Amino acid sequence: METELLFQIAAVGIIVAVLNQVLNKSDRSEQALMVTIAGLVIVLFLIVNKIGELFDTLRAVFGL
């Protein structure tokens, strides 16, 4: 697994955590929830891209 991908996921997690805490402290829990969901979607898009590459590699290896 590439370290760049891990750093990107960690960066998104840190940014989401900070924004979540700031929004919760200012009584904006709805926006905090939306930020958390947006962060989750961003990370899922990063991972889905890599899973697609994995399946392409498996197809090439097994000749399917």
PDB file of N, CA and C in Angstrom:
ATOM      1  N   MET A   1       0.852  -1.186   0.000  1.00  0.00           N
ATOM      2  CA  MET A   1       0.000   0.000   0.000  1.00  0.00           C
ATOM      3  C   MET A   1       0.891   1.241   0.000  1.00  0.00           C
ATOM      4  N   GLU A   2       0.505   2.202  -0.752  1.00  0.00           N
ATOM      5  CA  GLU A   2       1.292   3.417  -0.868  1.00  0.00           C
ATOM      6  C   GLU A   2       1.173   4.255   0.397  1.00  0.00           C
ATOM      7  N   THR A   3       2.284   4.845   0.796  1.00  0.00           N
ATOM      8  CA  THR A   3       2.257   5.689   1.991  1.00  0.00           C
ATOM      9  C   THR A   3       1.523   7.001   1.710  1.00  0.00           C
ATOM     10  N   GLU A   4       1.519   7.418   0.457  1.00  0.00           N
ATOM     11  CA  GLU A   4       0.826   8.656   0.104  1.00  0.00           C
ATOM     12  C   GLU A   4      -0.668   8.550   0.389  1.00  0.00           C
ATOM     13  N   LEU A   5      -1.241   7.401   0.074  1.00  0.00           N
ATOM     14  CA  LEU A   5      -2.663   7.174   0.342  1.00  0.00           C
ATOM     15  C   LEU A   5      -2.940   7.206   1.839  1.00  0.00           C
ATOM     16  N   LEU A   6      -2.068   6.596   2.623  1.00  0.00           N
ATOM     17  CA  LEU A   6      -2.248   6.606   4.072  1.00  0.00           C
ATOM     18  C   LEU A   6      -2.178   8.023   4.634  1.00  0.00           C
ATOM     19  N   PHE A   7      -1.243   8.813   4.124  1.00  0.00           N
ATOM     20  CA  PHE A   7      -1.133  10.198   4.574  1.00  0.00           C
ATOM     21  C   PHE A   7      -2.351  11.024   4.178  1.00  0.00           C
ATOM     22  N   GLN A   8      -2.894  10.762   2.996  1.00  0.00           N
ATOM     23  CA  GLN A   8      -4.104  11.481   2.569  1.00  0.00           C
ATOM     24  C   GLN A   8      -5.285  11.133   3.471  1.00  0.00           C
ATOM     25  N   ILE A   9      -5.433   9.859   3.789  1.00  0.00           N
ATOM     26  CA  ILE A   9      -6.528   9.444   4.669  1.00  0.00           C
ATOM     27  C   ILE A   9      -6.341  10.042   6.064  1.00  0.00           C
ATOM     28  N   ALA A  10      -5.112  10.039   6.556  1.00  0.00           N
ATOM     29  CA  ALA A  10      -4.841  10.616   7.870  1.00  0.00           C
ATOM     30  C   ALA A  10      -5.114  12.123   7.884  1.00  0.00           C
ATOM     31  N   ALA A  11      -4.743  12.807   6.814  1.00  0.00           N
ATOM     32  CA  ALA A  11      -4.979  14.245   6.737  1.00  0.00           C
ATOM     33  C   ALA A  11      -6.469  14.560   6.739  1.00  0.00           C
ATOM     34  N   VAL A  12      -7.240  13.798   5.965  1.00  0.00           N
ATOM     35  CA  VAL A  12      -8.689  14.003   5.960  1.00  0.00           C
ATOM     36  C   VAL A  12      -9.254  13.743   7.347  1.00  0.00           C
ATOM     37  N   GLY A  13      -8.776  12.702   8.009  1.00  0.00           N
ATOM     38  CA  GLY A  13      -9.250  12.388   9.353  1.00  0.00           C
ATOM     39  C   GLY A  13      -8.947  13.479  10.360  1.00  0.00           C
ATOM     40  N   ILE A  14      -7.757  14.035  10.297  1.00  0.00           N
ATOM     41  CA  ILE A  14      -7.381  15.104  11.227  1.00  0.00           C
ATOM     42  C   ILE A  14      -8.213  16.355  10.976  1.00  0.00           C
ATOM     43  N   ILE A  15      -8.376  16.726   9.718  1.00  0.00           N
ATOM     44  CA  ILE A  15      -9.169  17.918   9.384  1.00  0.00           C
ATOM     45  C   ILE A  15     -10.613  17.743   9.826  1.00  0.00           C
ATOM     46  N   VAL A  16     -11.177  16.566   9.569  1.00  0.00           N
ATOM     47  CA  VAL A  16     -12.567  16.306   9.967  1.00  0.00           C
ATOM     48  C   VAL A  16     -12.706  16.340  11.478  1.00  0.00           C
ATOM     49  N   ALA A  17     -11.746  15.769  12.190  1.00  0.00           N
ATOM     50  CA  ALA A  17     -11.815  15.751  13.650  1.00  0.00           C
ATOM     51  C   ALA A  17     -11.769  17.160  14.236  1.00  0.00           C
ATOM     52  N   VAL A  18     -10.888  17.994  13.703  1.00  0.00           N
ATOM     53  CA  VAL A  18     -10.777  19.370  14.199  1.00  0.00           C
ATOM     54  C   VAL A  18     -12.051  20.156  13.899  1.00  0.00           C
ATOM     55  N   LEU A  19     -12.533  20.054  12.668  1.00  0.00           N
ATOM     56  CA  LEU A  19     -13.759  20.770  12.313  1.00  0.00           C
ATOM     57  C   LEU A  19     -14.950  20.270  13.128  1.00  0.00           C
ATOM     58  N   ASN A  20     -14.992  18.968  13.372  1.00  0.00           N
ATOM     59  CA  ASN A  20     -16.071  18.397  14.158  1.00  0.00           C
ATOM     60  C   ASN A  20     -16.069  18.954  15.583  1.00  0.00           C
ATOM     61  N   GLN A  21     -14.907  19.036  16.189  1.00  0.00           N
ATOM     62  CA  GLN A  21     -14.808  19.570  17.548  1.00  0.00           C
ATOM     63  C   GLN A  21     -15.192  21.050  17.599  1.00  0.00           C
ATOM     64  N   VAL A  22     -14.725  21.814  16.628  1.00  0.00           N
ATOM     65  CA  VAL A  22     -15.042  23.248  16.604  1.00  0.00           C
ATOM     66  C   VAL A  22     -16.544  23.465  16.435  1.00  0.00           C
ATOM     67  N   LEU A  23     -17.145  22.715  15.525  1.00  0.00           N
ATOM     68  CA  LEU A  23     -18.577  22.883  15.290  1.00  0.00           C
ATOM     69  C   LEU A  23     -19.406  22.394  16.471  1.00  0.00           C
ATOM     70  N   ASN A  24     -18.986  21.321  17.119  1.00  0.00           N
ATOM     71  CA  ASN A  24     -19.723  20.848  18.286  1.00  0.00           C
ATOM     72  C   ASN A  24     -19.632  21.834  19.449  1.00  0.00           C
ATOM     73  N   LYS A  25     -18.484  22.465  19.618  1.00  0.00           N
ATOM     74  CA  LYS A  25     -18.322  23.448  20.699  1.00  0.00           C
ATOM     75  C   LYS A  25     -19.173  24.691  20.462  1.00  0.00           C
ATOM     76  N   SER A  26     -19.450  24.995  19.204  1.00  0.00           N
ATOM     77  CA  SER A  26     -20.260  26.172  18.899  1.00  0.00           C
ATOM     78  C   SER A  26     -21.732  25.803  18.676  1.00  0.00           C
ATOM     79  N   ASP A  27     -22.148  24.662  19.185  1.00  0.00           N
ATOM     80  CA  ASP A  27     -23.538  24.195  19.126  1.00  0.00           C
ATOM     81  C   ASP A  27     -24.070  24.101  17.698  1.00  0.00           C
ATOM     82  N   ARG A  28     -23.258  23.597  16.819  1.00  0.00           N
ATOM     83  CA  ARG A  28     -23.684  23.352  15.432  1.00  0.00           C
ATOM     84  C   ARG A  28     -23.474  21.878  15.121  1.00  0.00           C
ATOM     85  N   SER A  29     -24.188  21.050  15.837  1.00  0.00           N
ATOM     86  CA  SER A  29     -23.991  19.606  15.711  1.00  0.00           C
ATOM     87  C   SER A  29     -24.443  19.080  14.349  1.00  0.00           C
ATOM     88  N   GLU A  30     -25.433  19.734  13.733  1.00  0.00           N
ATOM     89  CA  GLU A  30     -25.879  19.286  12.417  1.00  0.00           C
ATOM     90  C   GLU A  30     -24.776  19.469  11.376  1.00  0.00           C
ATOM     91  N   GLN A  31     -24.113  20.630  11.408  1.00  0.00           N
ATOM     92  CA  GLN A  31     -23.012  20.865  10.483  1.00  0.00           C
ATOM     93  C   GLN A  31     -21.833  19.941  10.780  1.00  0.00           C
ATOM     94  N   ALA A  32     -21.615  19.630  12.058  1.00  0.00           N
ATOM     95  CA  ALA A  32     -20.538  18.721  12.427  1.00  0.00           C
ATOM     96  C   ALA A  32     -20.797  17.333  11.859  1.00  0.00           C
ATOM     97  N   LEU A  33     -22.040  16.913  11.908  1.00  0.00           N
ATOM     98  CA  LEU A  33     -22.395  15.618  11.333  1.00  0.00           C
ATOM     99  C   LEU A  33     -22.183  15.615   9.828  1.00  0.00           C
ATOM    100  N   MET A  34     -22.553  16.704   9.161  1.00  0.00           N
ATOM    101  CA  MET A  34     -22.367  16.792   7.715  1.00  0.00           C
ATOM    102  C   MET A  34     -20.882  16.784   7.338  1.00  0.00           C
ATOM    103  N   VAL A  35     -20.046  17.433   8.134  1.00  0.00           N
ATOM    104  CA  VAL A  35     -18.600  17.424   7.882  1.00  0.00           C
ATOM    105  C   VAL A  35     -18.058  16.006   8.037  1.00  0.00           C
ATOM    106  N   THR A  36     -18.534  15.305   9.054  1.00  0.00           N
ATOM    107  CA  THR A  36     -18.097  13.928   9.262  1.00  0.00           C
ATOM    108  C   THR A  36     -18.503  13.037   8.099  1.00  0.00           C
ATOM    109  N   ILE A  37     -19.715  13.172   7.638  1.00  0.00           N
ATOM    110  CA  ILE A  37     -20.184  12.371   6.502  1.00  0.00           C
ATOM    111  C   ILE A  37     -19.404  12.720   5.237  1.00  0.00           C
ATOM    112  N   ALA A  38     -19.129  14.000   5.032  1.00  0.00           N
ATOM    113  CA  ALA A  38     -18.354  14.412   3.855  1.00  0.00           C
ATOM    114  C   ALA A  38     -16.941  13.824   3.904  1.00  0.00           C
ATOM    115  N   GLY A  39     -16.334  13.822   5.078  1.00  0.00           N
ATOM    116  CA  GLY A  39     -15.011  13.224   5.228  1.00  0.00           C
ATOM    117  C   GLY A  39     -15.032  11.735   4.934  1.00  0.00           C
ATOM    118  N   LEU A  40     -16.067  11.058   5.394  1.00  0.00           N
ATOM    119  CA  LEU A  40     -16.214   9.631   5.134  1.00  0.00           C
ATOM    120  C   LEU A  40     -16.350   9.355   3.639  1.00  0.00           C
ATOM    121  N   VAL A  41     -17.132  10.177   2.959  1.00  0.00           N
ATOM    122  CA  VAL A  41     -17.327  10.000   1.513  1.00  0.00           C
ATOM    123  C   VAL A  41     -16.015  10.230   0.768  1.00  0.00           C
ATOM    124  N   ILE A  42     -15.256  11.232   1.165  1.00  0.00           N
ATOM    125  CA  ILE A  42     -13.969  11.508   0.516  1.00  0.00           C
ATOM    126  C   ILE A  42     -13.022  10.326   0.670  1.00  0.00           C
ATOM    127  N   VAL A  43     -12.937   9.773   1.876  1.00  0.00           N
ATOM    128  CA  VAL A  43     -12.058   8.629   2.112  1.00  0.00           C
ATOM    129  C   VAL A  43     -12.549   7.410   1.336  1.00  0.00           C
ATOM    130  N   LEU A  44     -13.854   7.216   1.268  1.00  0.00           N
ATOM    131  CA  LEU A  44     -14.381   6.086   0.506  1.00  0.00           C
ATOM    132  C   LEU A  44     -14.041   6.200  -0.977  1.00  0.00           C
ATOM    133  N   PHE A  45     -14.097   7.415  -1.533  1.00  0.00           N
ATOM    134  CA  PHE A  45     -13.716   7.597  -2.933  1.00  0.00           C
ATOM    135  C   PHE A  45     -12.244   7.256  -3.148  1.00  0.00           C
ATOM    136  N   LEU A  46     -11.384   7.635  -2.193  1.00  0.00           N
ATOM    137  CA  LEU A  46      -9.968   7.296  -2.315  1.00  0.00           C
ATOM    138  C   LEU A  46      -9.765   5.785  -2.294  1.00  0.00           C
ATOM    139  N   ILE A  47     -10.465   5.106  -1.412  1.00  0.00           N
ATOM    140  CA  ILE A  47     -10.292   3.663  -1.273  1.00  0.00           C
ATOM    141  C   ILE A  47     -10.904   2.913  -2.456  1.00  0.00           C
ATOM    142  N   VAL A  48     -12.062   3.355  -2.936  1.00  0.00           N
ATOM    143  CA  VAL A  48     -12.703   2.684  -4.068  1.00  0.00           C
ATOM    144  C   VAL A  48     -11.815   2.748  -5.303  1.00  0.00           C
ATOM    145  N   ASN A  49     -11.134   3.849  -5.489  1.00  0.00           N
ATOM    146  CA  ASN A  49     -10.222   3.981  -6.613  1.00  0.00           C
ATOM    147  C   ASN A  49      -9.117   2.931  -6.533  1.00  0.00           C
ATOM    148  N   LYS A  50      -8.554   2.745  -5.359  1.00  0.00           N
ATOM    149  CA  LYS A  50      -7.479   1.764  -5.183  1.00  0.00           C
ATOM    150  C   LYS A  50      -8.004   0.340  -5.313  1.00  0.00           C
ATOM    151  N   ILE A  51      -9.219   0.070  -4.866  1.00  0.00           N
ATOM    152  CA  ILE A  51      -9.799  -1.265  -5.012  1.00  0.00           C
ATOM    153  C   ILE A  51     -10.029  -1.573  -6.493  1.00  0.00           C
ATOM    154  N   GLY A  52     -10.438  -0.578  -7.263  1.00  0.00           N
ATOM    155  CA  GLY A  52     -10.581  -0.760  -8.706  1.00  0.00           C
ATOM    156  C   GLY A  52      -9.255  -1.121  -9.354  1.00  0.00           C
ATOM    157  N   GLU A  53      -8.194  -0.459  -8.936  1.00  0.00           N
ATOM    158  CA  GLU A  53      -6.869  -0.785  -9.460  1.00  0.00           C
ATOM    159  C   GLU A  53      -6.467  -2.203  -9.064  1.00  0.00           C
ATOM    160  N   LEU A  54      -6.820  -2.621  -7.861  1.00  0.00           N
ATOM    161  CA  LEU A  54      -6.512  -3.984  -7.422  1.00  0.00           C
ATOM    162  C   LEU A  54      -7.206  -5.016  -8.295  1.00  0.00           C
ATOM    163  N   PHE A  55      -8.487  -4.815  -8.593  1.00  0.00           N
ATOM    164  CA  PHE A  55      -9.210  -5.750  -9.438  1.00  0.00           C
ATOM    165  C   PHE A  55      -8.642  -5.778 -10.854  1.00  0.00           C
ATOM    166  N   ASP A  56      -8.244  -4.632 -11.368  1.00  0.00           N
ATOM    167  CA  ASP A  56      -7.622  -4.597 -12.697  1.00  0.00           C
ATOM    168  C   ASP A  56      -6.314  -5.387 -12.705  1.00  0.00           C
ATOM    169  N   THR A  57      -5.535  -5.259 -11.644  1.00  0.00           N
ATOM    170  CA  THR A  57      -4.283  -6.008 -11.539  1.00  0.00           C
ATOM    171  C   THR A  57      -4.560  -7.497 -11.432  1.00  0.00           C
ATOM    172  N   LEU A  58      -5.537  -7.883 -10.656  1.00  0.00           N
ATOM    173  CA  LEU A  58      -5.891  -9.301 -10.535  1.00  0.00           C
ATOM    174  C   LEU A  58      -6.356  -9.880 -11.866  1.00  0.00           C
ATOM    175  N   ARG A  59      -7.145  -9.116 -12.616  1.00  0.00           N
ATOM    176  CA  ARG A  59      -7.572  -9.572 -13.935  1.00  0.00           C
ATOM    177  C   ARG A  59      -6.387  -9.775 -14.870  1.00  0.00           C
ATOM    178  N   ALA A  60      -5.425  -8.856 -14.792  1.00  0.00           N
ATOM    179  CA  ALA A  60      -4.254  -8.976 -15.651  1.00  0.00           C
ATOM    180  C   ALA A  60      -3.385 -10.166 -15.251  1.00  0.00           C
ATOM    181  N   VAL A  61      -3.274 -10.422 -13.954  1.00  0.00           N
ATOM    182  CA  VAL A  61      -2.453 -11.533 -13.492  1.00  0.00           C
ATOM    183  C   VAL A  61      -3.057 -12.864 -13.888  1.00  0.00           C
ATOM    184  N   PHE A  62      -4.361 -13.013 -13.693  1.00  0.00           N
ATOM    185  CA  PHE A  62      -5.016 -14.284 -13.972  1.00  0.00           C
ATOM    186  C   PHE A  62      -5.542 -14.385 -15.403  1.00  0.00           C
ATOM    187  N   GLY A  63      -5.386 -13.347 -16.183  1.00  0.00           N
ATOM    188  CA  GLY A  63      -5.783 -13.379 -17.580  1.00  0.00           C
ATOM    189  C   GLY A  63      -7.279 -13.483 -17.800  1.00  0.00           C
ATOM    190  N   LEU A  64      -8.047 -12.846 -16.972  1.00  0.00           N
ATOM    191  CA  LEU A  64      -9.506 -12.889 -17.112  1.00  0.00           C
ATOM    192  C   LEU A  64     -10.018 -11.762 -17.966  1.00  0.00           C
TER     193      LEU A  64
END
